[in-house]
Amino acid sequence: MTKIDLLQGTLDMLILRVLARGEMHGWGIADRLSHLSRNALKLGEGSVYPSLYRMEGKGWIKAEWAPSDNNRKAKYYSLTKAGRKQLETEQQNWDQLSTIIAEIMQKA
């Protein structure tokens, strides 16, 4: 499968969706997105961490330091109430946009 470029703004939505299932550290989030996309999305630290920091600043996620599976200290991220609301908004916007694009692609 070829690598796919994300539309601007979709990375935050995807990270929020992954975090809706529970807290994770940054590497785990990137790995989960890669797995869910069947490796079509290869996200590095240069894209995931800036997104996490931005969303933390907006109050959509919170972070806490805790030991990882291999006993190293890792920053774990989880959704806040505002983050759950933002995910709902992002999902609605995505559903509308993808429907419109599909209609145009079929009719054009």
C-alpha atoms as a PDB file:
ATOM      1  CA  MET A   1       0.000   0.000   0.000  1.00  0.00           C
ATOM      2  CA  THR A   2       1.279   3.449  -0.835  1.00  0.00           C
ATOM      3  CA  LYS A   3       1.785   6.188   1.715  1.00  0.00           C
ATOM      4  CA  ILE A   4      -1.102   8.627   1.851  1.00  0.00           C
ATOM      5  CA  ASP A   5      -0.782  12.312   2.693  1.00  0.00           C
ATOM      6  CA  LEU A   6      -3.262  13.510   5.286  1.00  0.00           C
ATOM      7  CA  LEU A   7      -5.534  16.435   4.575  1.00  0.00           C
ATOM      8  CA  GLN A   8      -4.593  19.413   6.700  1.00  0.00           C
ATOM      9  CA  GLY A   9      -6.439  19.298  10.008  1.00  0.00           C
ATOM     10  CA  THR A  10      -7.221  15.583   9.986  1.00  0.00           C
ATOM     11  CA  LEU A  11      -4.314  14.489  12.191  1.00  0.00           C
ATOM     12  CA  ASP A  12      -5.839  16.114  15.270  1.00  0.00           C
ATOM     13  CA  MET A  13      -9.146  14.350  14.591  1.00  0.00           C
ATOM     14  CA  LEU A  14      -7.423  10.970  14.200  1.00  0.00           C
ATOM     15  CA  ILE A  15      -5.407  11.416  17.387  1.00  0.00           C
ATOM     16  CA  LEU A  16      -8.531  12.421  19.312  1.00  0.00           C
ATOM     17  CA  ARG A  17     -10.281   9.315  17.974  1.00  0.00           C
ATOM     18  CA  VAL A  18      -7.457   7.025  19.090  1.00  0.00           C
ATOM     19  CA  LEU A  19      -7.397   8.660  22.529  1.00  0.00           C
ATOM     20  CA  ALA A  20     -11.175   8.161  22.863  1.00  0.00           C
ATOM     21  CA  ARG A  21     -10.366   4.503  23.636  1.00  0.00           C
ATOM     22  CA  GLY A  22      -7.995   5.395  26.467  1.00  0.00           C
ATOM     23  CA  GLU A  23      -4.733   7.075  27.358  1.00  0.00           C
ATOM     24  CA  MET A  24      -1.616   6.453  25.284  1.00  0.00           C
ATOM     25  CA  HIS A  25       1.880   7.842  24.895  1.00  0.00           C
ATOM     26  CA  GLY A  26       2.945   9.615  21.717  1.00  0.00           C
ATOM     27  CA  TRP A  27       4.777   6.690  20.131  1.00  0.00           C
ATOM     28  CA  GLY A  28       1.806   4.422  20.888  1.00  0.00           C
ATOM     29  CA  ILE A  29      -0.560   6.858  19.172  1.00  0.00           C
ATOM     30  CA  ALA A  30       1.601   6.980  16.027  1.00  0.00           C
ATOM     31  CA  ASP A  31       1.944   3.187  16.042  1.00  0.00           C
ATOM     32  CA  ARG A  32      -1.815   2.685  16.481  1.00  0.00           C
ATOM     33  CA  LEU A  33      -2.619   5.025  13.574  1.00  0.00           C
ATOM     34  CA  SER A  34      -0.106   3.204  11.407  1.00  0.00           C
ATOM     35  CA  HIS A  35      -1.627  -0.147  12.342  1.00  0.00           C
ATOM     36  CA  LEU A  36      -5.226   1.003  11.792  1.00  0.00           C
ATOM     37  CA  SER A  37      -4.299   2.385   8.360  1.00  0.00           C
ATOM     38  CA  ARG A  38      -2.532  -0.861   7.423  1.00  0.00           C
ATOM     39  CA  ASN A  39       0.736   1.117   7.351  1.00  0.00           C
ATOM     40  CA  ALA A  40      -0.571   3.665   4.840  1.00  0.00           C
ATOM     41  CA  LEU A  41      -0.024   6.384   7.437  1.00  0.00           C
ATOM     42  CA  LYS A  42       3.553   6.618   8.648  1.00  0.00           C
ATOM     43  CA  LEU A  43       3.562   9.348  11.236  1.00  0.00           C
ATOM     44  CA  GLY A  44       6.780  10.486  12.805  1.00  0.00           C
ATOM     45  CA  GLU A  45       7.547  12.510  15.886  1.00  0.00           C
ATOM     46  CA  GLY A  46       7.730  15.628  13.726  1.00  0.00           C
ATOM     47  CA  SER A  47       3.989  15.507  13.086  1.00  0.00           C
ATOM     48  CA  VAL A  48       2.477  13.698  16.082  1.00  0.00           C
ATOM     49  CA  TYR A  49       4.134  15.620  18.923  1.00  0.00           C
ATOM     50  CA  PRO A  50       3.425  19.131  17.599  1.00  0.00           C
ATOM     51  CA  SER A  51      -0.207  18.080  17.215  1.00  0.00           C
ATOM     52  CA  LEU A  52      -0.278  16.712  20.777  1.00  0.00           C
ATOM     53  CA  TYR A  53       1.273  19.908  22.184  1.00  0.00           C
ATOM     54  CA  ARG A  54      -1.171  22.069  20.228  1.00  0.00           C
ATOM     55  CA  MET A  55      -4.179  20.063  21.433  1.00  0.00           C
ATOM     56  CA  GLU A  56      -2.889  20.109  25.008  1.00  0.00           C
ATOM     57  CA  GLY A  57      -2.654  23.897  24.770  1.00  0.00           C
ATOM     58  CA  LYS A  58      -6.268  24.052  23.567  1.00  0.00           C
ATOM     59  CA  GLY A  59      -7.390  21.918  26.510  1.00  0.00           C
ATOM     60  CA  TRP A  60      -8.554  19.004  24.353  1.00  0.00           C
ATOM     61  CA  ILE A  61      -6.118  16.557  25.933  1.00  0.00           C
ATOM     62  CA  LYS A  62      -4.144  16.350  29.154  1.00  0.00           C
ATOM     63  CA  ALA A  63      -0.790  14.717  29.781  1.00  0.00           C
ATOM     64  CA  GLU A  64       0.712  12.890  32.735  1.00  0.00           C
ATOM     65  CA  TRP A  65       4.098  11.257  33.211  1.00  0.00           C
ATOM     66  CA  ALA A  66       4.031   7.547  34.081  1.00  0.00           C
ATOM     67  CA  PRO A  67       6.202   4.455  33.580  1.00  0.00           C
ATOM     68  CA  SER A  68       5.820   2.760  30.199  1.00  0.00           C
ATOM     69  CA  ASP A  69       5.638  -0.971  29.533  1.00  0.00           C
ATOM     70  CA  ASN A  70       9.435  -1.145  29.422  1.00  0.00           C
ATOM     71  CA  ASN A  71       9.765   0.805  32.707  1.00  0.00           C
ATOM     72  CA  ARG A  72      10.819   4.074  31.086  1.00  0.00           C
ATOM     73  CA  LYS A  73       9.157   7.352  31.897  1.00  0.00           C
ATOM     74  CA  ALA A  74       6.641   8.359  29.204  1.00  0.00           C
ATOM     75  CA  LYS A  75       4.098  11.124  28.811  1.00  0.00           C
ATOM     76  CA  TYR A  76       0.599   9.649  28.537  1.00  0.00           C
ATOM     77  CA  TYR A  77      -2.152  11.633  26.861  1.00  0.00           C
ATOM     78  CA  SER A  78      -5.889  11.387  27.485  1.00  0.00           C
ATOM     79  CA  LEU A  79      -8.998  13.219  26.317  1.00  0.00           C
ATOM     80  CA  THR A  80     -10.618  15.944  28.351  1.00  0.00           C
ATOM     81  CA  LYS A  81     -14.318  16.768  28.287  1.00  0.00           C
ATOM     82  CA  ALA A  82     -13.506  19.555  25.794  1.00  0.00           C
ATOM     83  CA  GLY A  83     -11.575  17.011  23.696  1.00  0.00           C
ATOM     84  CA  ARG A  84     -14.561  14.678  23.533  1.00  0.00           C
ATOM     85  CA  LYS A  85     -16.730  17.572  22.378  1.00  0.00           C
ATOM     86  CA  GLN A  86     -14.117  18.557  19.782  1.00  0.00           C
ATOM     87  CA  LEU A  87     -13.958  14.973  18.504  1.00  0.00           C
ATOM     88  CA  GLU A  88     -17.731  14.960  18.082  1.00  0.00           C
ATOM     89  CA  THR A  89     -17.565  18.233  16.121  1.00  0.00           C
ATOM     90  CA  GLU A  90     -14.669  16.995  13.981  1.00  0.00           C
ATOM     91  CA  GLN A  91     -16.510  13.735  13.233  1.00  0.00           C
ATOM     92  CA  GLN A  92     -19.642  15.592  12.111  1.00  0.00           C
ATOM     93  CA  ASN A  93     -17.596  17.916   9.902  1.00  0.00           C
ATOM     94  CA  TRP A  94     -15.704  14.966   8.406  1.00  0.00           C
ATOM     95  CA  ASP A  95     -18.901  13.042   7.678  1.00  0.00           C
ATOM     96  CA  GLN A  96     -20.383  16.040   5.851  1.00  0.00           C
ATOM     97  CA  LEU A  97     -17.199  16.787   3.909  1.00  0.00           C
ATOM     98  CA  SER A  98     -16.596  13.187   2.834  1.00  0.00           C
ATOM     99  CA  THR A  99     -20.218  12.878   1.649  1.00  0.00           C
ATOM    100  CA  ILE A 100     -19.909  16.068  -0.414  1.00  0.00           C
ATOM    101  CA  ILE A 101     -16.592  14.980  -1.952  1.00  0.00           C
ATOM    102  CA  ALA A 102     -17.995  11.521  -2.804  1.00  0.00           C
ATOM    103  CA  GLU A 103     -21.002  13.097  -4.509  1.00  0.00           C
ATOM    104  CA  ILE A 104     -18.830  15.418  -6.567  1.00  0.00           C
ATOM    105  CA  MET A 105     -16.489  12.586  -7.580  1.00  0.00           C
ATOM    106  CA  GLN A 106     -19.446  10.473  -8.725  1.00  0.00           C
ATOM    107  CA  LYS A 107     -21.206  13.259 -10.614  1.00  0.00           C
ATOM    108  CA  ALA A 108     -18.303  15.112 -12.185  1.00  0.00           C
END
